[in-house]
C-alpha atoms as a PDB file:
ATOM      1  CA  MET A   1      37.935 -26.239 -19.050  1.00  0.00           C
ATOM      2  CA  PHE A   2      36.577 -29.387 -20.732  1.00  0.00           C
ATOM      3  CA  LYS A   3      33.134 -28.295 -20.362  1.00  0.00           C
ATOM      4  CA  CYS A   4      33.873 -25.139 -22.063  1.00  0.00           C
ATOM      5  CA  ALA A   5      35.406 -26.479 -24.816  1.00  0.00           C
ATOM      6  CA  GLU A   6      32.944 -29.246 -25.098  1.00  0.00           C
ATOM      7  CA  SER A   7      29.957 -26.341 -25.333  1.00  0.00           C
ATOM      8  CA  THR A   8      31.470 -24.228 -27.680  1.00  0.00           C
ATOM      9  CA  HIS A   9      32.299 -27.329 -29.640  1.00  0.00           C
ATOM     10  CA  HIS A  10      28.510 -28.199 -29.380  1.00  0.00           C
ATOM     11  CA  GLU A  11      27.352 -24.828 -30.143  1.00  0.00           C
ATOM     12  CA  GLN A  12      29.550 -24.482 -33.385  1.00  0.00           C
ATOM     13  CA  ARG A  13      28.180 -28.091 -34.516  1.00  0.00           C
ATOM     14  CA  THR A  14      24.753 -26.690 -34.014  1.00  0.00           C
ATOM     15  CA  TYR A  15      25.302 -23.866 -35.921  1.00  0.00           C
ATOM     16  CA  GLU A  16      26.875 -25.193 -38.741  1.00  0.00           C
ATOM     17  CA  ASP A  17      23.462 -27.807 -38.740  1.00  0.00           C
ATOM     18  CA  HIS A  18      21.541 -25.009 -38.607  1.00  0.00           C
ATOM     19  CA  GLN A  19      23.399 -22.689 -41.509  1.00  0.00           C
ATOM     20  CA  LYS A  20      22.843 -26.621 -43.809  1.00  0.00           C
ATOM     21  CA  GLY A  21      19.007 -26.181 -43.256  1.00  0.00           C
ATOM     22  CA  ILE A  22      18.527 -22.766 -43.966  1.00  0.00           C
ATOM     23  CA  GLY A  23      20.960 -23.797 -47.545  1.00  0.00           C
ATOM     24  CA  LYS A  24      18.078 -26.868 -47.992  1.00  0.00           C
ATOM     25  CA  LEU A  25      15.298 -24.267 -47.379  1.00  0.00           C
ATOM     26  CA  ARG A  26      16.409 -21.732 -49.304  1.00  0.00           C
ATOM     27  CA  ARG A  27      17.037 -24.156 -52.559  1.00  0.00           C
ATOM     28  CA  LEU A  28      13.423 -25.375 -52.108  1.00  0.00           C
ATOM     29  CA  TRP A  29      12.107 -21.638 -51.793  1.00  0.00           C
ATOM     30  CA  TRP A  30      14.497 -21.004 -55.292  1.00  0.00           C
ATOM     31  CA  LYS A  31      12.920 -23.893 -56.694  1.00  0.00           C
ATOM     32  CA  ILE A  32       9.038 -23.116 -56.337  1.00  0.00           C
ATOM     33  CA  GLN A  33       9.700 -19.467 -57.252  1.00  0.00           C
ATOM     34  CA  ARG A  34      10.962 -20.235 -60.692  1.00  0.00           C
ATOM     35  CA  LYS A  35       7.872 -22.581 -60.765  1.00  0.00           C
ATOM     36  CA  VAL A  36       6.055 -19.724 -60.350  1.00  0.00           C
ATOM     37  CA  ASN A  37       7.299 -17.518 -62.465  1.00  0.00           C
ATOM     38  CA  HIS A  38       7.915 -19.762 -64.900  1.00  0.00           C
ATOM     39  CA  LYS A  39       3.912 -19.796 -65.022  1.00  0.00           C
ATOM     40  CA  SER A  40       4.060 -16.231 -64.500  1.00  0.00           C
ATOM     41  CA  THR A  41       1.415 -15.918 -62.561  1.00  0.00           C
ATOM     42  CA  PRO A  42       1.660 -13.638 -59.235  1.00  0.00           C
ATOM     43  CA  LEU A  43       1.778 -14.704 -56.170  1.00  0.00           C
ATOM     44  CA  GLU A  44      -1.092 -12.340 -54.800  1.00  0.00           C
ATOM     45  CA  GLU A  45      -3.596 -13.772 -57.779  1.00  0.00           C
END
């Protein structure tokens, strides 16, 4: 019983950490996009 609740809680924690990580990556990605757009140079070149 305890084990089941514990693993679920652990999964929730990991999921939240994962979401936080995605948020950080997204912010970093937007910073890069802004820099690229500011220079007004296409990514392909």
